[in-house]
PDB file of N, CA and C in Angstrom:
ATOM      1  N   MET A   1       0.832  -1.189   0.000  1.00  0.00           N
ATOM      2  CA  MET A   1       0.000   0.000   0.000  1.00  0.00           C
ATOM      3  C   MET A   1       0.874   1.249   0.000  1.00  0.00           C
ATOM      4  N   ALA A   2       0.426   2.257  -0.702  1.00  0.00           N
ATOM      5  CA  ALA A   2       1.159   3.519  -0.726  1.00  0.00           C
ATOM      6  C   ALA A   2       0.670   4.398   0.412  1.00  0.00           C
ATOM      7  N   ASP A   3       1.560   5.179   0.967  1.00  0.00           N
ATOM      8  CA  ASP A   3       1.204   6.101   2.049  1.00  0.00           C
ATOM      9  C   ASP A   3       0.182   7.102   1.522  1.00  0.00           C
ATOM     10  N   CYS A   4      -0.909   7.292   2.255  1.00  0.00           N
ATOM     11  CA  CYS A   4      -1.970   8.189   1.791  1.00  0.00           C
ATOM     12  C   CYS A   4      -1.598   9.664   1.959  1.00  0.00           C
ATOM     13  N   GLY A   5      -0.600   9.962   2.777  1.00  0.00           N
ATOM     14  CA  GLY A   5      -0.154  11.338   2.979  1.00  0.00           C
ATOM     15  C   GLY A   5      -0.904  12.041   4.099  1.00  0.00           C
ATOM     16  N   CYS A   6      -0.278  13.091   4.602  1.00  0.00           N
ATOM     17  CA  CYS A   6      -0.832  13.831   5.736  1.00  0.00           C
ATOM     18  C   CYS A   6      -2.166  14.492   5.414  1.00  0.00           C
ATOM     19  N   ASP A   7      -2.280  15.084   4.242  1.00  0.00           N
ATOM     20  CA  ASP A   7      -3.524  15.786   3.904  1.00  0.00           C
ATOM     21  C   ASP A   7      -4.721  14.848   3.973  1.00  0.00           C
ATOM     22  N   LYS A   8      -4.607  13.708   3.339  1.00  0.00           N
ATOM     23  CA  LYS A   8      -5.717  12.746   3.338  1.00  0.00           C
ATOM     24  C   LYS A   8      -5.943  12.204   4.748  1.00  0.00           C
ATOM     25  N   ALA A   9      -4.879  11.889   5.462  1.00  0.00           N
ATOM     26  CA  ALA A   9      -5.013  11.333   6.808  1.00  0.00           C
ATOM     27  C   ALA A   9      -5.722  12.316   7.737  1.00  0.00           C
ATOM     28  N   LYS A  10      -5.300  13.578   7.703  1.00  0.00           N
ATOM     29  CA  LYS A  10      -5.919  14.583   8.576  1.00  0.00           C
ATOM     30  C   LYS A  10      -7.369  14.845   8.179  1.00  0.00           C
ATOM     31  N   GLN A  11      -7.630  14.809   6.897  1.00  0.00           N
ATOM     32  CA  GLN A  11      -8.984  15.045   6.407  1.00  0.00           C
ATOM     33  C   GLN A  11      -9.931  13.910   6.819  1.00  0.00           C
ATOM     34  N   ALA A  12      -9.429  12.699   6.868  1.00  0.00           N
ATOM     35  CA  ALA A  12     -10.265  11.531   7.166  1.00  0.00           C
ATOM     36  C   ALA A  12     -10.170  11.078   8.618  1.00  0.00           C
ATOM     37  N   LEU A  13      -9.451  11.818   9.451  1.00  0.00           N
ATOM     38  CA  LEU A  13      -9.191  11.366  10.817  1.00  0.00           C
ATOM     39  C   LEU A  13     -10.465  11.197  11.649  1.00  0.00           C
ATOM     40  N   GLU A  14     -11.393  12.130  11.560  1.00  0.00           N
ATOM     41  CA  GLU A  14     -12.646  12.012  12.318  1.00  0.00           C
ATOM     42  C   GLU A  14     -13.401  10.750  11.924  1.00  0.00           C
ATOM     43  N   GLU A  15     -13.539  10.517  10.637  1.00  0.00           N
ATOM     44  CA  GLU A  15     -14.234   9.325  10.160  1.00  0.00           C
ATOM     45  C   GLU A  15     -13.495   8.063  10.598  1.00  0.00           C
ATOM     46  N   TYR A  16     -12.177   8.121  10.570  1.00  0.00           N
ATOM     47  CA  TYR A  16     -11.365   6.984  11.005  1.00  0.00           C
ATOM     48  C   TYR A  16     -11.631   6.677  12.472  1.00  0.00           C
ATOM     49  N   LEU A  17     -11.624   7.712  13.304  1.00  0.00           N
ATOM     50  CA  LEU A  17     -11.821   7.511  14.740  1.00  0.00           C
ATOM     51  C   LEU A  17     -13.232   7.023  15.067  1.00  0.00           C
ATOM     52  N   HIS A  18     -14.195   7.317  14.203  1.00  0.00           N
ATOM     53  CA  HIS A  18     -15.572   6.870  14.422  1.00  0.00           C
ATOM     54  C   HIS A  18     -15.882   5.586  13.643  1.00  0.00           C
ATOM     55  N   ASN A  19     -14.853   4.948  13.099  1.00  0.00           N
ATOM     56  CA  ASN A  19     -15.013   3.706  12.329  1.00  0.00           C
ATOM     57  C   ASN A  19     -16.009   3.864  11.185  1.00  0.00           C
ATOM     58  N   GLU A  20     -15.914   4.989  10.475  1.00  0.00           N
ATOM     59  CA  GLU A  20     -16.828   5.277   9.377  1.00  0.00           C
ATOM     60  C   GLU A  20     -16.187   5.115   8.004  1.00  0.00           C
ATOM     61  N   LEU A  21     -14.974   4.615   7.958  1.00  0.00           N
ATOM     62  CA  LEU A  21     -14.282   4.412   6.684  1.00  0.00           C
ATOM     63  C   LEU A  21     -14.371   2.948   6.275  1.00  0.00           C
ATOM     64  N   CYS A  22     -14.318   2.712   4.978  1.00  0.00           N
ATOM     65  CA  CYS A  22     -14.240   1.326   4.518  1.00  0.00           C
ATOM     66  C   CYS A  22     -12.907   0.746   4.993  1.00  0.00           C
ATOM     67  N   SER A  23     -12.812  -0.552   4.993  1.00  0.00           N
ATOM     68  CA  SER A  23     -11.617  -1.203   5.549  1.00  0.00           C
ATOM     69  C   SER A  23     -10.335  -0.799   4.822  1.00  0.00           C
ATOM     70  N   GLU A  24     -10.418  -0.574   3.509  1.00  0.00           N
ATOM     71  CA  GLU A  24      -9.229  -0.185   2.742  1.00  0.00           C
ATOM     72  C   GLU A  24      -8.757   1.218   3.138  1.00  0.00           C
ATOM     73  N   GLU A  25      -9.707   2.160   3.225  1.00  0.00           N
ATOM     74  CA  GLU A  25      -9.332   3.528   3.621  1.00  0.00           C
ATOM     75  C   GLU A  25      -8.816   3.554   5.052  1.00  0.00           C
ATOM     76  N   ALA A  26      -9.463   2.799   5.950  1.00  0.00           N
ATOM     77  CA  ALA A  26      -9.010   2.740   7.340  1.00  0.00           C
ATOM     78  C   ALA A  26      -7.596   2.182   7.425  1.00  0.00           C
ATOM     79  N   ALA A  27      -7.308   1.173   6.613  1.00  0.00           N
ATOM     80  CA  ALA A  27      -5.961   0.586   6.593  1.00  0.00           C
ATOM     81  C   ALA A  27      -4.941   1.609   6.111  1.00  0.00           C
ATOM     82  N   ASP A  28      -5.296   2.412   5.108  1.00  0.00           N
ATOM     83  CA  ASP A  28      -4.392   3.464   4.618  1.00  0.00           C
ATOM     84  C   ASP A  28      -4.083   4.473   5.723  1.00  0.00           C
ATOM     85  N   ILE A  29      -5.123   4.904   6.427  1.00  0.00           N
ATOM     86  CA  ILE A  29      -4.932   5.889   7.500  1.00  0.00           C
ATOM     87  C   ILE A  29      -4.098   5.272   8.619  1.00  0.00           C
ATOM     88  N   ARG A  30      -4.421   4.042   9.005  1.00  0.00           N
ATOM     89  CA  ARG A  30      -3.692   3.346  10.077  1.00  0.00           C
ATOM     90  C   ARG A  30      -2.214   3.217   9.713  1.00  0.00           C
ATOM     91  N   GLU A  31      -1.946   2.874   8.465  1.00  0.00           N
ATOM     92  CA  GLU A  31      -0.562   2.749   8.004  1.00  0.00           C
ATOM     93  C   GLU A  31       0.155   4.097   8.089  1.00  0.00           C
ATOM     94  N   HIS A  32      -0.510   5.148   7.643  1.00  0.00           N
ATOM     95  CA  HIS A  32       0.092   6.475   7.694  1.00  0.00           C
ATOM     96  C   HIS A  32       0.376   6.883   9.136  1.00  0.00           C
ATOM     97  N   LEU A  33      -0.601   6.658  10.025  1.00  0.00           N
ATOM     98  CA  LEU A  33      -0.414   7.023  11.431  1.00  0.00           C
ATOM     99  C   LEU A  33       0.757   6.273  12.052  1.00  0.00           C
ATOM    100  N   GLY A  34       1.020   5.078  11.572  1.00  0.00           N
ATOM    101  CA  GLY A  34       2.137   4.288  12.093  1.00  0.00           C
ATOM    102  C   GLY A  34       3.495   4.904  11.819  1.00  0.00           C
ATOM    103  N   GLY A  35       3.562   5.810  10.849  1.00  0.00           N
ATOM    104  CA  GLY A  35       4.857   6.380  10.506  1.00  0.00           C
ATOM    105  C   GLY A  35       4.925   7.893  10.541  1.00  0.00           C
ATOM    106  N   CYS A  36       3.853   8.550  10.958  1.00  0.00           N
ATOM    107  CA  CYS A  36       3.835  10.016  10.934  1.00  0.00           C
ATOM    108  C   CYS A  36       3.543  10.565  12.321  1.00  0.00           C
ATOM    109  N   ILE A  37       4.523  11.186  12.913  1.00  0.00           N
ATOM    110  CA  ILE A  37       4.382  11.721  14.270  1.00  0.00           C
ATOM    111  C   ILE A  37       3.355  12.849  14.315  1.00  0.00           C
ATOM    112  N   ASP A  38       3.372  13.747  13.328  1.00  0.00           N
ATOM    113  CA  ASP A  38       2.413  14.858  13.310  1.00  0.00           C
ATOM    114  C   ASP A  38       0.974  14.364  13.310  1.00  0.00           C
ATOM    115  N   CYS A  39       0.670  13.432  12.452  1.00  0.00           N
ATOM    116  CA  CYS A  39      -0.704  12.929  12.356  1.00  0.00           C
ATOM    117  C   CYS A  39      -1.071  12.102  13.587  1.00  0.00           C
ATOM    118  N   THR A  40      -0.108  11.364  14.120  1.00  0.00           N
ATOM    119  CA  THR A  40      -0.360  10.599  15.343  1.00  0.00           C
ATOM    120  C   THR A  40      -0.648  11.546  16.501  1.00  0.00           C
ATOM    121  N   ASP A  41       0.078  12.645  16.588  1.00  0.00           N
ATOM    122  CA  ASP A  41      -0.184  13.640  17.631  1.00  0.00           C
ATOM    123  C   ASP A  41      -1.584  14.225  17.475  1.00  0.00           C
ATOM    124  N   GLU A  42      -1.981  14.519  16.246  1.00  0.00           N
ATOM    125  CA  GLU A  42      -3.318  15.060  16.009  1.00  0.00           C
ATOM    126  C   GLU A  42      -4.383  14.034  16.380  1.00  0.00           C
ATOM    127  N   GLU A  43      -4.112  12.775  16.078  1.00  0.00           N
ATOM    128  CA  GLU A  43      -5.051  11.710  16.456  1.00  0.00           C
ATOM    129  C   GLU A  43      -5.213  11.669  17.975  1.00  0.00           C
ATOM    130  N   ARG A  44      -4.119  11.754  18.705  1.00  0.00           N
ATOM    131  CA  ARG A  44      -4.187  11.727  20.174  1.00  0.00           C
ATOM    132  C   ARG A  44      -4.994  12.896  20.717  1.00  0.00           C
ATOM    133  N   VAL A  45      -4.790  14.075  20.155  1.00  0.00           N
ATOM    134  CA  VAL A  45      -5.549  15.256  20.587  1.00  0.00           C
ATOM    135  C   VAL A  45      -7.043  15.033  20.366  1.00  0.00           C
ATOM    136  N   LYS A  46      -7.396  14.520  19.206  1.00  0.00           N
ATOM    137  CA  LYS A  46      -8.815  14.276  18.900  1.00  0.00           C
ATOM    138  C   LYS A  46      -9.414  13.222  19.822  1.00  0.00           C
ATOM    139  N   VAL A  47      -8.660  12.194  20.146  1.00  0.00           N
ATOM    140  CA  VAL A  47      -9.146  11.148  21.046  1.00  0.00           C
ATOM    141  C   VAL A  47      -9.359  11.713  22.443  1.00  0.00           C
ATOM    142  N   VAL A  48      -8.400  12.478  22.938  1.00  0.00           N
ATOM    143  CA  VAL A  48      -8.529  13.068  24.275  1.00  0.00           C
ATOM    144  C   VAL A  48      -9.710  14.036  24.320  1.00  0.00           C
ATOM    145  N   LEU A  49      -9.870  14.844  23.290  1.00  0.00           N
ATOM    146  CA  LEU A  49     -10.985  15.784  23.233  1.00  0.00           C
ATOM    147  C   LEU A  49     -12.317  15.047  23.194  1.00  0.00           C
ATOM    148  N   ARG A  50     -12.409  14.020  22.375  1.00  0.00           N
ATOM    149  CA  ARG A  50     -13.651  13.241  22.282  1.00  0.00           C
ATOM    150  C   ARG A  50     -13.987  12.597  23.626  1.00  0.00           C
ATOM    151  N   GLU A  51     -12.982  12.059  24.311  1.00  0.00           N
ATOM    152  CA  GLU A  51     -13.212  11.437  25.617  1.00  0.00           C
ATOM    153  C   GLU A  51     -13.667  12.467  26.651  1.00  0.00           C
ATOM    154  N   ALA A  52     -13.087  13.669  26.612  1.00  0.00           N
ATOM    155  CA  ALA A  52     -13.483  14.722  27.548  1.00  0.00           C
ATOM    156  C   ALA A  52     -14.928  15.155  27.306  1.00  0.00           C
ATOM    157  N   VAL A  53     -15.301  15.304  26.061  1.00  0.00           N
ATOM    158  CA  VAL A  53     -16.682  15.681  25.730  1.00  0.00           C
ATOM    159  C   VAL A  53     -17.636  14.572  26.153  1.00  0.00           C
ATOM    160  N   GLN A  54     -17.253  13.340  25.916  1.00  0.00           N
ATOM    161  CA  GLN A  54     -18.106  12.217  26.297  1.00  0.00           C
ATOM    162  C   GLN A  54     -18.308  12.176  27.809  1.00  0.00           C
ATOM    163  N   ARG A  55     -17.242  12.387  28.579  1.00  0.00           N
ATOM    164  CA  ARG A  55     -17.377  12.417  30.048  1.00  0.00           C
ATOM    165  C   ARG A  55     -18.288  13.548  30.482  1.00  0.00           C
ATOM    166  N   ALA A  56     -18.142  14.711  29.858  1.00  0.00           N
ATOM    167  CA  ALA A  56     -18.969  15.858  30.212  1.00  0.00           C
ATOM    168  C   ALA A  56     -20.439  15.584  29.906  1.00  0.00           C
ATOM    169  N   CYS A  57     -20.703  14.880  28.833  1.00  0.00           N
ATOM    170  CA  CYS A  57     -22.087  14.563  28.463  1.00  0.00           C
ATOM    171  C   CYS A  57     -22.685  13.511  29.382  1.00  0.00           C
ATOM    172  N   ASP A  58     -21.864  12.706  30.003  1.00  0.00           N
ATOM    173  CA  ASP A  58     -22.351  11.665  30.903  1.00  0.00           C
ATOM    174  C   ASP A  58     -22.713  12.215  32.276  1.00  0.00           C
ATOM    175  N   GLU A  59     -22.216  13.399  32.608  1.00  0.00           N
ATOM    176  CA  GLU A  59     -22.499  13.986  33.915  1.00  0.00           C
ATOM    177  C   GLU A  59     -23.945  14.465  33.964  1.00  0.00           C
ATOM    178  N   THR A  60     -24.524  14.407  35.151  1.00  0.00           N
ATOM    179  CA  THR A  60     -25.881  14.909  35.325  1.00  0.00           C
ATOM    180  C   THR A  60     -25.863  16.040  36.348  1.00  0.00           C
ATOM    181  N   ALA A  61     -26.800  16.937  36.182  1.00  0.00           N
ATOM    182  CA  ALA A  61     -26.901  18.078  37.099  1.00  0.00           C
ATOM    183  C   ALA A  61     -27.430  17.592  38.447  1.00  0.00           C
ATOM    184  N   PRO A  62     -27.049  18.273  39.524  1.00  0.00           N
ATOM    185  CA  PRO A  62     -27.611  17.938  40.834  1.00  0.00           C
ATOM    186  C   PRO A  62     -29.136  18.090  40.796  1.00  0.00           C
ATOM    187  N   GLU A  63     -29.815  17.278  41.578  1.00  0.00           N
ATOM    188  CA  GLU A  63     -31.277  17.252  41.541  1.00  0.00           C
ATOM    189  C   GLU A  63     -31.888  18.614  41.840  1.00  0.00           C
ATOM    190  N   ASP A  64     -31.336  19.364  42.800  1.00  0.00           N
ATOM    191  CA  ASP A  64     -31.911  20.678  43.124  1.00  0.00           C
ATOM    192  C   ASP A  64     -31.780  21.657  41.956  1.00  0.00           C
ATOM    193  N   LEU A  65     -30.675  21.600  41.232  1.00  0.00           N
ATOM    194  CA  LEU A  65     -30.508  22.455  40.057  1.00  0.00           C
ATOM    195  C   LEU A  65     -31.494  22.045  38.968  1.00  0.00           C
ATOM    196  N   ARG A  66     -31.639  20.754  38.751  1.00  0.00           N
ATOM    197  CA  ARG A  66     -32.593  20.270  37.747  1.00  0.00           C
ATOM    198  C   ARG A  66     -34.007  20.751  38.086  1.00  0.00           C
ATOM    199  N   ALA A  67     -34.381  20.679  39.355  1.00  0.00           N
ATOM    200  CA  ALA A  67     -35.715  21.110  39.782  1.00  0.00           C
ATOM    201  C   ALA A  67     -35.901  22.609  39.539  1.00  0.00           C
ATOM    202  N   GLN A  68     -34.864  23.405  39.815  1.00  0.00           N
ATOM    203  CA  GLN A  68     -34.936  24.853  39.587  1.00  0.00           C
ATOM    204  C   GLN A  68     -35.108  25.164  38.098  1.00  0.00           C
ATOM    205  N   VAL A  69     -34.364  24.495  37.281  1.00  0.00           N
ATOM    206  CA  VAL A  69     -34.439  24.729  35.838  1.00  0.00           C
ATOM    207  C   VAL A  69     -35.818  24.331  35.314  1.00  0.00           C
ATOM    208  N   MET A  70     -36.306  23.187  35.736  1.00  0.00           N
ATOM    209  CA  MET A  70     -37.624  22.742  35.286  1.00  0.00           C
ATOM    210  C   MET A  70     -38.714  23.700  35.753  1.00  0.00           C
ATOM    211  N   ALA A  71     -38.629  24.199  36.984  1.00  0.00           N
ATOM    212  CA  ALA A  71     -39.615  25.151  37.492  1.00  0.00           C
ATOM    213  C   ALA A  71     -39.582  26.430  36.671  1.00  0.00           C
ATOM    214  N   ARG A  72     -38.392  26.878  36.336  1.00  0.00           N
ATOM    215  CA  ARG A  72     -38.259  28.108  35.547  1.00  0.00           C
ATOM    216  C   ARG A  72     -38.813  27.900  34.135  1.00  0.00           C
ATOM    217  N   LEU A  73     -38.555  26.750  33.554  1.00  0.00           N
ATOM    218  CA  LEU A  73     -39.091  26.456  32.214  1.00  0.00           C
ATOM    219  C   LEU A  73     -40.616  26.433  32.230  1.00  0.00           C
ATOM    220  N   ARG A  74     -41.202  25.821  33.250  1.00  0.00           N
ATOM    221  CA  ARG A  74     -42.661  25.813  33.345  1.00  0.00           C
ATOM    222  C   ARG A  74     -43.210  27.231  33.503  1.00  0.00           C
ATOM    223  N   GLU A  75     -42.496  28.044  34.264  1.00  0.00           N
ATOM    224  CA  GLU A  75     -42.921  29.433  34.468  1.00  0.00           C
ATOM    225  C   GLU A  75     -42.881  30.214  33.152  1.00  0.00           C
ATOM    226  N   VAL A  76     -41.824  30.037  32.406  1.00  0.00           N
ATOM    227  CA  VAL A  76     -41.681  30.748  31.121  1.00  0.00           C
ATOM    228  C   VAL A  76     -42.737  30.274  30.126  1.00  0.00           C
ATOM    229  N   GLN A  77     -43.073  29.007  30.142  1.00  0.00           N
ATOM    230  CA  GLN A  77     -44.061  28.464  29.202  1.00  0.00           C
ATOM    231  C   GLN A  77     -45.453  29.002  29.468  1.00  0.00           C
ATOM    232  N   LYS A  78     -45.745  29.391  30.694  1.00  0.00           N
ATOM    233  CA  LYS A  78     -47.055  29.911  31.048  1.00  0.00           C
ATOM    234  C   LYS A  78     -47.307  31.271  30.383  1.00  0.00           C
ATOM    235  N   HIS A  79     -46.260  32.015  30.138  1.00  0.00           N
ATOM    236  CA  HIS A  79     -46.413  33.366  29.612  1.00  0.00           C
ATOM    237  C   HIS A  79     -46.371  33.428  28.148  1.00  0.00           C
TER     238      HIS A  79
END
């Protein structure tokens, strides 16, 4: 396989990380990442960012805050 190059790897990195590429394209990106420090660093940044966002989305508000927000929403809907 020929190296797909940094431009293609960076352009397809999101799809690669979400397993949205066909097996051939994923193999090209994986091969490129194996030999390119810049693209590997970018991959790590994207993975860390995705994990941080996922953790933030998994958190829930304290019950008293949720109750306050819901009460305020009901109040606004009345008007």
